[in-house]
C-alpha atoms as a PDB file:
ATOM      1  CA  UNK A   1    -125.409 139.046-179.377  1.00  0.00           C
ATOM      2  CA  UNK A   2    -127.162 137.133-182.139  1.00  0.00           C
ATOM      3  CA  UNK A   3    -127.891 138.805-185.627  1.00  0.00           C
ATOM      4  CA  UNK A   4    -131.699 138.952-184.983  1.00  0.00           C
ATOM      5  CA  UNK A   5    -130.991 140.800-181.604  1.00  0.00           C
ATOM      6  CA  UNK A   6    -128.560 143.079-183.181  1.00  0.00           C
ATOM      7  CA  UNK A   7    -131.041 143.973-186.082  1.00  0.00           C
ATOM      8  CA  UNK A   8    -133.699 144.652-183.501  1.00  0.00           C
ATOM      9  CA  UNK A   9    -131.687 146.870-181.320  1.00  0.00           C
ATOM     10  CA  UNK A  10    -130.831 148.843-184.539  1.00  0.00           C
ATOM     11  CA  UNK A  11    -134.592 149.367-185.340  1.00  0.00           C
ATOM     12  CA  UNK A  12    -135.146 150.319-181.561  1.00  0.00           C
ATOM     13  CA  UNK A  13    -132.261 152.858-181.516  1.00  0.00           C
ATOM     14  CA  UNK A  14    -133.748 154.376-184.939  1.00  0.00           C
ATOM     15  CA  UNK A  15    -137.175 154.678-183.475  1.00  0.00           C
ATOM     16  CA  UNK A  16    -135.851 156.463-180.201  1.00  0.00           C
ATOM     17  CA  UNK A  17    -133.679 158.829-182.541  1.00  0.00           C
ATOM     18  CA  UNK A  18    -136.588 159.639-184.584  1.00  0.00           C
ATOM     19  CA  UNK A  19    -138.944 160.250-181.589  1.00  0.00           C
ATOM     20  CA  UNK A  20    -136.399 162.520-179.939  1.00  0.00           C
ATOM     21  CA  UNK A  21    -135.973 164.455-183.217  1.00  0.00           C
ATOM     22  CA  UNK A  22    -139.700 164.898-183.493  1.00  0.00           C
ATOM     23  CA  UNK A  23    -139.962 166.410-179.895  1.00  0.00           C
ATOM     24  CA  UNK A  24    -136.896 168.682-180.555  1.00  0.00           C
ATOM     25  CA  UNK A  25    -137.587 169.816-184.248  1.00  0.00           C
ATOM     26  CA  UNK A  26    -141.344 169.845-184.679  1.00  0.00           C
ATOM     27  CA  UNK A  27    -141.825 173.457-183.322  1.00  0.00           C
ATOM     28  CA  UNK A  28    -138.958 175.036-185.286  1.00  0.00           C
ATOM     29  CA  UNK A  29    -139.755 173.303-188.362  1.00  0.00           C
ATOM     30  CA  UNK A  30    -143.606 174.501-188.181  1.00  0.00           C
ATOM     31  CA  UNK A  31    -142.202 178.143-187.399  1.00  0.00           C
ATOM     32  CA  UNK A  32    -139.937 177.970-190.475  1.00  0.00           C
ATOM     33  CA  UNK A  33    -143.018 176.924-192.576  1.00  0.00           C
ATOM     34  CA  UNK A  34    -145.004 179.768-191.237  1.00  0.00           C
ATOM     35  CA  UNK A  35    -142.260 182.249-192.104  1.00  0.00           C
ATOM     36  CA  UNK A  36    -141.774 180.881-195.716  1.00  0.00           C
ATOM     37  CA  UNK A  37    -145.580 180.639-196.351  1.00  0.00           C
ATOM     38  CA  UNK A  38    -145.970 184.207-195.076  1.00  0.00           C
ATOM     39  CA  UNK A  39    -143.015 185.392-197.322  1.00  0.00           C
ATOM     40  CA  UNK A  40    -144.387 183.808-200.425  1.00  0.00           C
ATOM     41  CA  UNK A  41    -148.106 185.041-199.699  1.00  0.00           C
ATOM     42  CA  UNK A  42    -146.491 188.682-199.496  1.00  0.00           C
ATOM     43  CA  UNK A  43    -144.940 188.268-202.782  1.00  0.00           C
ATOM     44  CA  UNK A  44    -141.464 187.588-201.292  1.00  0.00           C
ATOM     45  CA  UNK A  45    -138.698 185.219-201.919  1.00  0.00           C
ATOM     46  CA  UNK A  46    -137.312 182.095-200.134  1.00  0.00           C
ATOM     47  CA  UNK A  47    -133.302 182.026-201.049  1.00  0.00           C
ATOM     48  CA  UNK A  48    -131.618 178.699-200.717  1.00  0.00           C
ATOM     49  CA  UNK A  49    -128.079 178.072-201.265  1.00  0.00           C
ATOM     50  CA  UNK A  50    -125.496 175.352-200.545  1.00  0.00           C
ATOM     51  CA  UNK A  51    -121.949 174.473-201.185  1.00  0.00           C
ATOM     52  CA  UNK A  52    -120.794 170.946-202.326  1.00  0.00           C
ATOM     53  CA  UNK A  53    -123.362 168.350-201.591  1.00  0.00           C
ATOM     54  CA  UNK A  54    -125.638 170.673-200.208  1.00  0.00           C
ATOM     55  CA  UNK A  55    -125.913 172.468-203.345  1.00  0.00           C
ATOM     56  CA  UNK A  56    -127.878 169.649-204.726  1.00  0.00           C
ATOM     57  CA  UNK A  57    -130.233 169.657-201.609  1.00  0.00           C
ATOM     58  CA  UNK A  58    -130.765 173.596-202.387  1.00  0.00           C
ATOM     59  CA  UNK A  59    -131.561 172.733-206.211  1.00  0.00           C
ATOM     60  CA  UNK A  60    -134.141 170.031-205.178  1.00  0.00           C
ATOM     61  CA  UNK A  61    -135.577 172.269-202.353  1.00  0.00           C
ATOM     62  CA  UNK A  62    -135.931 175.140-204.936  1.00  0.00           C
ATOM     63  CA  UNK A  63    -137.497 172.795-207.463  1.00  0.00           C
END
């Protein structure tokens, strides 16, 4: 397999994976957004946490 073909395959695999994730995750993500928005509009909170590397993600999300 030449280098161009290998690079092309990587892009195709990435596109396929992204499309599969869209089909599986769009509805749950939309549901989570609705729950969080509803909570904030009702003067509620969104609590975030994480350990190790995930704590940085939680801080960025909270910011």
